[in-house]
Structure formats: C-alpha cells, structure tokens
PDB file of all heavy atoms in Angstrom:
ATOM      1  N   ALA A   1       0.847  -1.190   0.000  1.00  0.00           N
ATOM      2  CA  ALA A   1       0.000   0.000   0.000  1.00  0.00           C
ATOM      3  C   ALA A   1       0.881   1.238   0.000  1.00  0.00           C
ATOM      4  O   ALA A   1       0.595   2.218   0.663  1.00  0.00           O
ATOM      5  CB  ALA A   1      -0.916  -0.018   1.216  1.00  0.00           C
ATOM      6  N   GLU A   2       1.989   1.151  -0.741  1.00  0.00           N
ATOM      7  CA  GLU A   2       2.905   2.286  -0.789  1.00  0.00           C
ATOM      8  C   GLU A   2       2.330   3.393  -1.654  1.00  0.00           C
ATOM      9  O   GLU A   2       1.889   3.155  -2.775  1.00  0.00           O
ATOM     10  CB  GLU A   2       4.269   1.854  -1.339  1.00  0.00           C
ATOM     11  CG  GLU A   2       5.023   0.906  -0.431  1.00  0.00           C
ATOM     12  CD  GLU A   2       6.385   0.563  -0.995  1.00  0.00           C
ATOM     13  OE1 GLU A   2       7.313   1.376  -0.838  1.00  0.00           O
ATOM     14  OE2 GLU A   2       6.512  -0.516  -1.604  1.00  0.00           O
ATOM     15  N   MET A   3       2.364   4.584  -1.140  1.00  0.00           N
ATOM     16  CA  MET A   3       1.918   5.760  -1.873  1.00  0.00           C
ATOM     17  C   MET A   3       3.161   6.474  -2.387  1.00  0.00           C
ATOM     18  O   MET A   3       3.993   6.928  -1.598  1.00  0.00           O
ATOM     19  CB  MET A   3       1.089   6.665  -0.974  1.00  0.00           C
ATOM     20  CG  MET A   3      -0.151   6.007  -0.388  1.00  0.00           C
ATOM     21  SD  MET A   3      -1.400   5.604  -1.632  1.00  0.00           S
ATOM     22  CE  MET A   3      -1.970   7.249  -2.055  1.00  0.00           C
ATOM     23  N   ILE A   4       3.288   6.558  -3.696  1.00  0.00           N
ATOM     24  CA  ILE A   4       4.497   7.100  -4.321  1.00  0.00           C
ATOM     25  C   ILE A   4       4.168   8.411  -5.012  1.00  0.00           C
ATOM     26  O   ILE A   4       3.274   8.469  -5.866  1.00  0.00           O
ATOM     27  CB  ILE A   4       5.095   6.111  -5.347  1.00  0.00           C
ATOM     28  CG1 ILE A   4       5.324   4.741  -4.696  1.00  0.00           C
ATOM     29  CG2 ILE A   4       6.392   6.662  -5.935  1.00  0.00           C
ATOM     30  CD1 ILE A   4       6.290   4.749  -3.553  1.00  0.00           C
ATOM     31  N   GLY A   5       4.895   9.464  -4.679  1.00  0.00           N
ATOM     32  CA  GLY A   5       4.697  10.745  -5.345  1.00  0.00           C
ATOM     33  C   GLY A   5       5.061  11.907  -4.448  1.00  0.00           C
ATOM     34  O   GLY A   5       5.284  11.742  -3.241  1.00  0.00           O
ATOM     35  N   SER A   6       5.136  13.089  -5.049  1.00  0.00           N
ATOM     36  CA  SER A   6       5.447  14.302  -4.291  1.00  0.00           C
ATOM     37  C   SER A   6       4.764  15.531  -4.874  1.00  0.00           C
ATOM     38  O   SER A   6       4.979  16.637  -4.398  1.00  0.00           O
ATOM     39  CB  SER A   6       6.967  14.520  -4.248  1.00  0.00           C
ATOM     40  OG  SER A   6       7.507  14.556  -5.572  1.00  0.00           O
ATOM     41  N   SER A   7       3.948  15.357  -5.911  1.00  0.00           N
ATOM     42  CA  SER A   7       3.263  16.487  -6.539  1.00  0.00           C
ATOM     43  C   SER A   7       2.216  17.067  -5.597  1.00  0.00           C
ATOM     44  O   SER A   7       1.832  16.446  -4.602  1.00  0.00           O
ATOM     45  CB  SER A   7       2.595  16.045  -7.838  1.00  0.00           C
ATOM     46  OG  SER A   7       1.565  15.096  -7.569  1.00  0.00           O
ATOM     47  N   ALA A   8       1.748  18.257  -5.925  1.00  0.00           N
ATOM     48  CA  ALA A   8       0.749  18.917  -5.084  1.00  0.00           C
ATOM     49  C   ALA A   8      -0.539  18.107  -5.012  1.00  0.00           C
ATOM     50  O   ALA A   8      -1.128  17.953  -3.932  1.00  0.00           O
ATOM     51  CB  ALA A   8       0.472  20.319  -5.618  1.00  0.00           C
ATOM     52  N   SER A   9      -0.993  17.580  -6.142  1.00  0.00           N
ATOM     53  CA  SER A   9      -2.238  16.813  -6.132  1.00  0.00           C
ATOM     54  C   SER A   9      -2.076  15.518  -5.342  1.00  0.00           C
ATOM     55  O   SER A   9      -3.005  15.061  -4.661  1.00  0.00           O
ATOM     56  CB  SER A   9      -2.692  16.506  -7.562  1.00  0.00           C
ATOM     57  OG  SER A   9      -1.692  15.796  -8.265  1.00  0.00           O
ATOM     58  N   PHE A  10      -0.867  14.914  -5.417  1.00  0.00           N
ATOM     59  CA  PHE A  10      -0.614  13.697  -4.651  1.00  0.00           C
ATOM     60  C   PHE A  10      -0.583  14.002  -3.155  1.00  0.00           C
ATOM     61  O   PHE A  10      -1.141  13.247  -2.346  1.00  0.00           O
ATOM     62  CB  PHE A  10       0.706  13.065  -5.087  1.00  0.00           C
ATOM     63  CG  PHE A  10       1.111  11.875  -4.267  1.00  0.00           C
ATOM     64  CD1 PHE A  10       0.563  10.633  -4.507  1.00  0.00           C
ATOM     65  CD2 PHE A  10       2.032  12.002  -3.232  1.00  0.00           C
ATOM     66  CE1 PHE A  10       0.914   9.531  -3.742  1.00  0.00           C
ATOM     67  CE2 PHE A  10       2.399  10.913  -2.465  1.00  0.00           C
ATOM     68  CZ  PHE A  10       1.836   9.679  -2.721  1.00  0.00           C
ATOM     69  N   ARG A  11       0.048  15.097  -2.781  1.00  0.00           N
ATOM     70  CA  ARG A  11       0.101  15.458  -1.358  1.00  0.00           C
ATOM     71  C   ARG A  11      -1.299  15.738  -0.817  1.00  0.00           C
ATOM     72  O   ARG A  11      -1.608  15.408   0.337  1.00  0.00           O
ATOM     73  CB  ARG A  11       1.012  16.671  -1.157  1.00  0.00           C
ATOM     74  CG  ARG A  11       2.485  16.402  -1.437  1.00  0.00           C
ATOM     75  CD  ARG A  11       3.364  17.501  -0.850  1.00  0.00           C
ATOM     76  NE  ARG A  11       3.013  18.825  -1.348  1.00  0.00           N
ATOM     77  CZ  ARG A  11       3.518  19.384  -2.441  1.00  0.00           C
ATOM     78  NH1 ARG A  11       4.396  18.694  -3.184  1.00  0.00           N
ATOM     79  NH2 ARG A  11       3.164  20.595  -2.817  1.00  0.00           N
ATOM     80  N   THR A  12      -2.142  16.339  -1.637  1.00  0.00           N
ATOM     81  CA  THR A  12      -3.530  16.564  -1.228  1.00  0.00           C
ATOM     82  C   THR A  12      -4.247  15.243  -0.986  1.00  0.00           C
ATOM     83  O   THR A  12      -4.982  15.083  -0.007  1.00  0.00           O
ATOM     84  CB  THR A  12      -4.279  17.383  -2.290  1.00  0.00           C
ATOM     85  OG1 THR A  12      -3.649  18.655  -2.433  1.00  0.00           O
ATOM     86  CG2 THR A  12      -5.734  17.581  -1.915  1.00  0.00           C
ATOM     87  N   LEU A  13      -4.029  14.278  -1.884  1.00  0.00           N
ATOM     88  CA  LEU A  13      -4.646  12.954  -1.733  1.00  0.00           C
ATOM     89  C   LEU A  13      -4.206  12.296  -0.431  1.00  0.00           C
ATOM     90  O   LEU A  13      -5.041  11.817   0.351  1.00  0.00           O
ATOM     91  CB  LEU A  13      -4.265  12.063  -2.927  1.00  0.00           C
ATOM     92  CG  LEU A  13      -4.607  10.575  -2.784  1.00  0.00           C
ATOM     93  CD1 LEU A  13      -6.107  10.362  -2.670  1.00  0.00           C
ATOM     94  CD2 LEU A  13      -4.027   9.777  -3.956  1.00  0.00           C
ATOM     95  N   VAL A  14      -2.912  12.255  -0.178  1.00  0.00           N
ATOM     96  CA  VAL A  14      -2.402  11.594   1.022  1.00  0.00           C
ATOM     97  C   VAL A  14      -2.901  12.300   2.282  1.00  0.00           C
ATOM     98  O   VAL A  14      -3.251  11.657   3.276  1.00  0.00           O
ATOM     99  CB  VAL A  14      -0.862  11.542   0.999  1.00  0.00           C
ATOM    100  CG1 VAL A  14      -0.318  10.998   2.324  1.00  0.00           C
ATOM    101  CG2 VAL A  14      -0.384  10.664  -0.147  1.00  0.00           C
ATOM    102  N   SER A  15      -2.964  13.618   2.232  1.00  0.00           N
ATOM    103  CA  SER A  15      -3.486  14.369   3.379  1.00  0.00           C
ATOM    104  C   SER A  15      -4.926  13.971   3.679  1.00  0.00           C
ATOM    105  O   SER A  15      -5.300  13.770   4.845  1.00  0.00           O
ATOM    106  CB  SER A  15      -3.396  15.874   3.099  1.00  0.00           C
ATOM    107  OG  SER A  15      -3.993  16.617   4.133  1.00  0.00           O
ATOM    108  N   ASN A  16      -5.732  13.830   2.639  1.00  0.00           N
ATOM    109  CA  ASN A  16      -7.123  13.427   2.830  1.00  0.00           C
ATOM    110  C   ASN A  16      -7.220  11.989   3.354  1.00  0.00           C
ATOM    111  O   ASN A  16      -8.064  11.680   4.209  1.00  0.00           O
ATOM    112  CB  ASN A  16      -7.899  13.563   1.525  1.00  0.00           C
ATOM    113  CG  ASN A  16      -8.143  15.007   1.131  1.00  0.00           C
ATOM    114  OD1 ASN A  16      -8.208  15.887   1.991  1.00  0.00           O
ATOM    115  ND2 ASN A  16      -8.274  15.269  -0.158  1.00  0.00           N
ATOM    116  N   LEU A  17      -6.363  11.106   2.840  1.00  0.00           N
ATOM    117  CA  LEU A  17      -6.381   9.717   3.312  1.00  0.00           C
ATOM    118  C   LEU A  17      -5.971   9.636   4.779  1.00  0.00           C
ATOM    119  O   LEU A  17      -6.562   8.881   5.555  1.00  0.00           O
ATOM    120  CB  LEU A  17      -5.441   8.864   2.457  1.00  0.00           C
ATOM    121  CG  LEU A  17      -5.815   8.687   0.982  1.00  0.00           C
ATOM    122  CD1 LEU A  17      -4.751   7.873   0.261  1.00  0.00           C
ATOM    123  CD2 LEU A  17      -7.171   8.023   0.824  1.00  0.00           C
ATOM    124  N   ASP A  18      -4.968  10.418   5.159  1.00  0.00           N
ATOM    125  CA  ASP A  18      -4.515  10.392   6.553  1.00  0.00           C
ATOM    126  C   ASP A  18      -5.615  10.842   7.512  1.00  0.00           C
ATOM    127  O   ASP A  18      -5.671  10.390   8.659  1.00  0.00           O
ATOM    128  CB  ASP A  18      -3.283  11.290   6.726  1.00  0.00           C
ATOM    129  CG  ASP A  18      -2.017  10.671   6.140  1.00  0.00           C
ATOM    130  OD1 ASP A  18      -1.996   9.430   5.980  1.00  0.00           O
ATOM    131  OD2 ASP A  18      -1.068  11.410   5.834  1.00  0.00           O
ATOM    132  N   LYS A  19      -6.478  11.717   7.040  1.00  0.00           N
ATOM    133  CA  LYS A  19      -7.548  12.224   7.908  1.00  0.00           C
ATOM    134  C   LYS A  19      -8.599  11.156   8.223  1.00  0.00           C
ATOM    135  O   LYS A  19      -9.305  11.265   9.231  1.00  0.00           O
ATOM    136  CB  LYS A  19      -8.231  13.426   7.253  1.00  0.00           C
ATOM    137  CG  LYS A  19      -7.339  14.663   7.167  1.00  0.00           C
ATOM    138  CD  LYS A  19      -8.026  15.772   6.385  1.00  0.00           C
ATOM    139  CE  LYS A  19      -7.105  16.979   6.239  1.00  0.00           C
ATOM    140  NZ  LYS A  19      -7.714  18.048   5.398  1.00  0.00           N
ATOM    141  N   VAL A  20      -8.711  10.142   7.365  1.00  0.00           N
ATOM    142  CA  VAL A  20      -9.763   9.138   7.573  1.00  0.00           C
ATOM    143  C   VAL A  20      -9.236   7.809   8.102  1.00  0.00           C
ATOM    144  O   VAL A  20     -10.024   6.916   8.405  1.00  0.00           O
ATOM    145  CB  VAL A  20     -10.552   8.873   6.269  1.00  0.00           C
ATOM    146  CG1 VAL A  20     -11.175  10.154   5.760  1.00  0.00           C
ATOM    147  CG2 VAL A  20      -9.662   8.252   5.193  1.00  0.00           C
ATOM    148  N   THR A  21      -7.908   7.667   8.239  1.00  0.00           N
ATOM    149  CA  THR A  21      -7.383   6.356   8.631  1.00  0.00           C
ATOM    150  C   THR A  21      -7.841   5.942  10.027  1.00  0.00           C
ATOM    151  O   THR A  21      -8.137   4.769  10.265  1.00  0.00           O
ATOM    152  CB  THR A  21      -5.844   6.346   8.578  1.00  0.00           C
ATOM    153  OG1 THR A  21      -5.335   7.441   9.352  1.00  0.00           O
ATOM    154  CG2 THR A  21      -5.355   6.463   7.154  1.00  0.00           C
ATOM    155  N   LYS A  22      -7.895   6.870  10.959  1.00  0.00           N
ATOM    156  CA  LYS A  22      -8.184   6.503  12.344  1.00  0.00           C
ATOM    157  C   LYS A  22      -9.668   6.477  12.672  1.00  0.00           C
ATOM    158  O   LYS A  22     -10.055   6.088  13.773  1.00  0.00           O
ATOM    159  CB  LYS A  22      -7.473   7.468  13.296  1.00  0.00           C
ATOM    160  CG  LYS A  22      -5.961   7.513  13.119  1.00  0.00           C
ATOM    161  CD  LYS A  22      -5.331   6.117  13.169  1.00  0.00           C
ATOM    162  CE  LYS A  22      -3.830   6.181  12.962  1.00  0.00           C
ATOM    163  NZ  LYS A  22      -3.232   4.823  12.888  1.00  0.00           N
ATOM    164  N   SER A  23     -10.492   6.879  11.737  1.00  0.00           N
ATOM    165  CA  SER A  23     -11.933   6.836  11.984  1.00  0.00           C
ATOM    166  C   SER A  23     -12.489   5.513  11.471  1.00  0.00           C
ATOM    167  O   SER A  23     -11.760   4.679  10.943  1.00  0.00           O
ATOM    168  CB  SER A  23     -12.636   7.998  11.277  1.00  0.00           C
ATOM    169  OG  SER A  23     -12.711   7.755   9.878  1.00  0.00           O
ATOM    170  N   ASN A  24     -13.781   5.335  11.636  1.00  0.00           N
ATOM    171  CA  ASN A  24     -14.436   4.141  11.096  1.00  0.00           C
ATOM    172  C   ASN A  24     -15.423   4.521  10.007  1.00  0.00           C
ATOM    173  O   ASN A  24     -16.272   3.729   9.608  1.00  0.00           O
ATOM    174  CB  ASN A  24     -15.160   3.382  12.218  1.00  0.00           C
ATOM    175  CG  ASN A  24     -15.337   1.909  11.903  1.00  0.00           C
ATOM    176  OD1 ASN A  24     -14.452   1.273  11.351  1.00  0.00           O
ATOM    177  ND2 ASN A  24     -16.484   1.353  12.251  1.00  0.00           N
ATOM    178  N   GLY A  25     -15.324   5.781   9.532  1.00  0.00           N
ATOM    179  CA  GLY A  25     -16.256   6.282   8.534  1.00  0.00           C
ATOM    180  C   GLY A  25     -16.094   5.613   7.178  1.00  0.00           C
ATOM    181  O   GLY A  25     -15.002   5.195   6.803  1.00  0.00           O
ATOM    182  N   ARG A  26     -17.187   5.523   6.455  1.00  0.00           N
ATOM    183  CA  ARG A  26     -17.156   4.938   5.115  1.00  0.00           C
ATOM    184  C   ARG A  26     -16.572   5.947   4.131  1.00  0.00           C
ATOM    185  O   ARG A  26     -16.896   7.122   4.169  1.00  0.00           O
ATOM    186  CB  ARG A  26     -18.562   4.515   4.686  1.00  0.00           C
ATOM    187  CG  ARG A  26     -19.179   3.506   5.652  1.00  0.00           C
ATOM    188  CD  ARG A  26     -20.538   3.013   5.183  1.00  0.00           C
ATOM    189  NE  ARG A  26     -21.197   2.310   6.285  1.00  0.00           N
ATOM    190  CZ  ARG A  26     -22.241   2.772   6.947  1.00  0.00           C
ATOM    191  NH1 ARG A  26     -22.792   3.918   6.580  1.00  0.00           N
ATOM    192  NH2 ARG A  26     -22.758   2.100   7.947  1.00  0.00           N
ATOM    193  N   VAL A  27     -15.738   5.451   3.232  1.00  0.00           N
ATOM    194  CA  VAL A  27     -15.018   6.303   2.290  1.00  0.00           C
ATOM    195  C   VAL A  27     -15.383   5.904   0.867  1.00  0.00           C
ATOM    196  O   VAL A  27     -15.442   4.716   0.541  1.00  0.00           O
ATOM    197  CB  VAL A  27     -13.488   6.180   2.491  1.00  0.00           C
ATOM    198  CG1 VAL A  27     -12.739   7.025   1.469  1.00  0.00           C
ATOM    199  CG2 VAL A  27     -13.106   6.590   3.903  1.00  0.00           C
ATOM    200  N   MET A  28     -15.630   6.903   0.021  1.00  0.00           N
ATOM    201  CA  MET A  28     -15.868   6.665  -1.396  1.00  0.00           C
ATOM    202  C   MET A  28     -14.708   7.277  -2.181  1.00  0.00           C
ATOM    203  O   MET A  28     -14.494   8.489  -2.158  1.00  0.00           O
ATOM    204  CB  MET A  28     -17.187   7.296  -1.842  1.00  0.00           C
ATOM    205  CG  MET A  28     -17.451   7.202  -3.343  1.00  0.00           C
ATOM    206  SD  MET A  28     -17.859   5.529  -3.909  1.00  0.00           S
ATOM    207  CE  MET A  28     -19.548   5.390  -3.295  1.00  0.00           C
ATOM    208  N   LEU A  29     -13.939   6.431  -2.879  1.00  0.00           N
ATOM    209  CA  LEU A  29     -12.818   6.876  -3.691  1.00  0.00           C
ATOM    210  C   LEU A  29     -13.276   6.988  -5.138  1.00  0.00           C
ATOM    211  O   LEU A  29     -13.789   6.029  -5.716  1.00  0.00           O
ATOM    212  CB  LEU A  29     -11.659   5.881  -3.593  1.00  0.00           C
ATOM    213  CG  LEU A  29     -11.107   5.641  -2.180  1.00  0.00           C
ATOM    214  CD1 LEU A  29     -10.182   4.428  -2.175  1.00  0.00           C
ATOM    215  CD2 LEU A  29     -10.373   6.869  -1.676  1.00  0.00           C
ATOM    216  N   THR A  30     -13.099   8.171  -5.733  1.00  0.00           N
ATOM    217  CA  THR A  30     -13.486   8.369  -7.131  1.00  0.00           C
ATOM    218  C   THR A  30     -12.261   8.745  -7.937  1.00  0.00           C
ATOM    219  O   THR A  30     -11.383   9.468  -7.471  1.00  0.00           O
ATOM    220  CB  THR A  30     -14.544   9.478  -7.260  1.00  0.00           C
ATOM    221  OG1 THR A  30     -14.022  10.701  -6.723  1.00  0.00           O
ATOM    222  CG2 THR A  30     -15.812   9.112  -6.509  1.00  0.00           C
ATOM    223  N   GLY A  31     -12.225   8.252  -9.158  1.00  0.00           N
ATOM    224  CA  GLY A  31     -11.105   8.540 -10.040  1.00  0.00           C
ATOM    225  C   GLY A  31     -11.138   7.600 -11.219  1.00  0.00           C
ATOM    226  O   GLY A  31     -11.808   6.564 -11.189  1.00  0.00           O
ATOM    227  N   PRO A  32     -10.407   7.916 -12.295  1.00  0.00           N
ATOM    228  CA  PRO A  32     -10.435   7.079 -13.493  1.00  0.00           C
ATOM    229  C   PRO A  32      -9.796   5.718 -13.260  1.00  0.00           C
ATOM    230  O   PRO A  32      -9.040   5.528 -12.295  1.00  0.00           O
ATOM    231  CB  PRO A  32      -9.638   7.908 -14.510  1.00  0.00           C
ATOM    232  CG  PRO A  32      -8.752   8.777 -13.681  1.00  0.00           C
ATOM    233  CD  PRO A  32      -9.535   9.092 -12.452  1.00  0.00           C
ATOM    234  N   ALA A  33     -10.104   4.778 -14.127  1.00  0.00           N
ATOM    235  CA  ALA A  33      -9.552   3.429 -14.028  1.00  0.00           C
ATOM    236  C   ALA A  33      -8.034   3.478 -14.082  1.00  0.00           C
ATOM    237  O   ALA A  33      -7.448   4.184 -14.897  1.00  0.00           O
ATOM    238  CB  ALA A  33     -10.093   2.555 -15.160  1.00  0.00           C
ATOM    239  N   GLY A  34      -7.398   2.716 -13.188  1.00  0.00           N
ATOM    240  CA  GLY A  34      -5.951   2.637 -13.181  1.00  0.00           C
ATOM    241  C   GLY A  34      -5.255   3.736 -12.419  1.00  0.00           C
ATOM    242  O   GLY A  34      -4.018   3.789 -12.394  1.00  0.00           O
ATOM    243  N   SER A  35      -6.005   4.610 -11.757  1.00  0.00           N
ATOM    244  CA  SER A  35      -5.386   5.746 -11.070  1.00  0.00           C
ATOM    245  C   SER A  35      -4.841   5.385  -9.692  1.00  0.00           C
ATOM    246  O   SER A  35      -4.110   6.177  -9.093  1.00  0.00           O
ATOM    247  CB  SER A  35      -6.398   6.895 -10.943  1.00  0.00           C
ATOM    248  OG  SER A  35      -7.565   6.476 -10.247  1.00  0.00           O
ATOM    249  N   GLY A  36      -5.179   4.206  -9.175  1.00  0.00           N
ATOM    250  CA  GLY A  36      -4.644   3.781  -7.890  1.00  0.00           C
ATOM    251  C   GLY A  36      -5.637   3.823  -6.758  1.00  0.00           C
ATOM    252  O   GLY A  36      -5.251   4.000  -5.594  1.00  0.00           O
ATOM    253  N   LYS A  37      -6.918   3.621  -7.045  1.00  0.00           N
ATOM    254  CA  LYS A  37      -7.930   3.689  -5.988  1.00  0.00           C
ATOM    255  C   LYS A  37      -7.763   2.548  -4.987  1.00  0.00           C
ATOM    256  O   LYS A  37      -7.930   2.752  -3.783  1.00  0.00           O
ATOM    257  CB  LYS A  37      -9.330   3.666  -6.617  1.00  0.00           C
ATOM    258  CG  LYS A  37      -9.625   4.866  -7.525  1.00  0.00           C
ATOM    259  CD  LYS A  37     -11.069   4.912  -7.966  1.00  0.00           C
ATOM    260  CE  LYS A  37     -11.438   3.804  -8.934  1.00  0.00           C
ATOM    261  NZ  LYS A  37     -10.722   3.899 -10.227  1.00  0.00           N
ATOM    262  N   GLU A  38      -7.421   1.351  -5.466  1.00  0.00           N
ATOM    263  CA  GLU A  38      -7.249   0.243  -4.524  1.00  0.00           C
ATOM    264  C   GLU A  38      -6.013   0.451  -3.647  1.00  0.00           C
ATOM    265  O   GLU A  38      -6.022   0.112  -2.457  1.00  0.00           O
ATOM    266  CB  GLU A  38      -7.144  -1.097  -5.256  1.00  0.00           C
ATOM    267  CG  GLU A  38      -7.040  -2.272  -4.294  1.00  0.00           C
ATOM    268  CD  GLU A  38      -7.197  -3.633  -4.946  1.00  0.00           C
ATOM    269  OE1 GLU A  38      -7.658  -3.689  -6.103  1.00  0.00           O
ATOM    270  OE2 GLU A  38      -6.852  -4.630  -4.292  1.00  0.00           O
ATOM    271  N   VAL A  39      -4.950   1.005  -4.219  1.00  0.00           N
ATOM    272  CA  VAL A  39      -3.766   1.309  -3.411  1.00  0.00           C
ATOM    273  C   VAL A  39      -4.127   2.304  -2.312  1.00  0.00           C
ATOM    274  O   VAL A  39      -3.687   2.183  -1.163  1.00  0.00           O
ATOM    275  CB  VAL A  39      -2.630   1.868  -4.292  1.00  0.00           C
ATOM    276  CG1 VAL A  39      -1.450   2.311  -3.434  1.00  0.00           C
ATOM    277  CG2 VAL A  39      -2.172   0.825  -5.294  1.00  0.00           C
ATOM    278  N   ALA A  40      -4.957   3.293  -2.648  1.00  0.00           N
ATOM    279  CA  ALA A  40      -5.402   4.268  -1.647  1.00  0.00           C
ATOM    280  C   ALA A  40      -6.221   3.579  -0.558  1.00  0.00           C
ATOM    281  O   ALA A  40      -6.080   3.882   0.631  1.00  0.00           O
ATOM    282  CB  ALA A  40      -6.220   5.370  -2.317  1.00  0.00           C
ATOM    283  N   ALA A  41      -7.086   2.640  -0.954  1.00  0.00           N
ATOM    284  CA  ALA A  41      -7.899   1.912   0.032  1.00  0.00           C
ATOM    285  C   ALA A  41      -7.006   1.079   0.949  1.00  0.00           C
ATOM    286  O   ALA A  41      -7.225   1.015   2.171  1.00  0.00           O
ATOM    287  CB  ALA A  41      -8.917   1.020  -0.679  1.00  0.00           C
ATOM    288  N   ARG A  42      -5.999   0.442   0.388  1.00  0.00           N
ATOM    289  CA  ARG A  42      -5.084  -0.362   1.195  1.00  0.00           C
ATOM    290  C   ARG A  42      -4.244   0.526   2.124  1.00  0.00           C
ATOM    291  O   ARG A  42      -3.853   0.103   3.219  1.00  0.00           O
ATOM    292  CB  ARG A  42      -4.179  -1.203   0.297  1.00  0.00           C
ATOM    293  CG  ARG A  42      -4.928  -2.317  -0.434  1.00  0.00           C
ATOM    294  CD  ARG A  42      -4.000  -3.165  -1.279  1.00  0.00           C
ATOM    295  NE  ARG A  42      -4.745  -4.182  -2.011  1.00  0.00           N
ATOM    296  CZ  ARG A  42      -5.123  -5.346  -1.505  1.00  0.00           C
ATOM    297  NH1 ARG A  42      -4.829  -5.646  -0.249  1.00  0.00           N
ATOM    298  NH2 ARG A  42      -5.797  -6.212  -2.235  1.00  0.00           N
ATOM    299  N   TYR A  43      -3.955   1.731   1.682  1.00  0.00           N
ATOM    300  CA  TYR A  43      -3.224   2.672   2.530  1.00  0.00           C
ATOM    301  C   TYR A  43      -4.055   3.008   3.770  1.00  0.00           C
ATOM    302  O   TYR A  43      -3.533   3.066   4.881  1.00  0.00           O
ATOM    303  CB  TYR A  43      -2.903   3.936   1.731  1.00  0.00           C
ATOM    304  CG  TYR A  43      -2.175   5.006   2.515  1.00  0.00           C
ATOM    305  CD1 TYR A  43      -0.785   4.994   2.633  1.00  0.00           C
ATOM    306  CD2 TYR A  43      -2.882   6.034   3.142  1.00  0.00           C
ATOM    307  CE1 TYR A  43      -0.113   5.970   3.362  1.00  0.00           C
ATOM    308  CE2 TYR A  43      -2.216   7.022   3.868  1.00  0.00           C
ATOM    309  CZ  TYR A  43      -0.838   6.984   3.965  1.00  0.00           C
ATOM    310  OH  TYR A  43      -0.189   7.956   4.691  1.00  0.00           O
ATOM    311  N   ILE A  44      -5.355   3.241   3.566  1.00  0.00           N
ATOM    312  CA  ILE A  44      -6.244   3.499   4.700  1.00  0.00           C
ATOM    313  C   ILE A  44      -6.213   2.316   5.660  1.00  0.00           C
ATOM    314  O   ILE A  44      -6.073   2.470   6.878  1.00  0.00           O
ATOM    315  CB  ILE A  44      -7.684   3.770   4.224  1.00  0.00           C
ATOM    316  CG1 ILE A  44      -7.739   5.061   3.389  1.00  0.00           C
ATOM    317  CG2 ILE A  44      -8.633   3.872   5.417  1.00  0.00           C
ATOM    318  CD1 ILE A  44      -9.095   5.305   2.741  1.00  0.00           C
TER     319      ILE A  44
END
C-alpha cells in the first residue's frame, strides 16, 4: 500500500487519506480506471 509521489495533487490525496485512517467512517474513492484507488484503500 505504498503511496508514491510528491506532486501537489498527490500530497492533497495523502493528506485526505490520513484524515480518515483513524476513523471508522465509510469512504468513497473516485477517479479514473488505473489511477490507484485500490492502493489508496489499502493505505487506509
């Protein structure tokens, strides 16, 4: 579940993921096919 990147949009994504890791809230990941939605889910 490695998150690789340093761009502004990537940092925004990781910041949002970090905010939900410790909660039990349901998360909906949206994005085009192949963009890494499952990797983001595994990161959570």
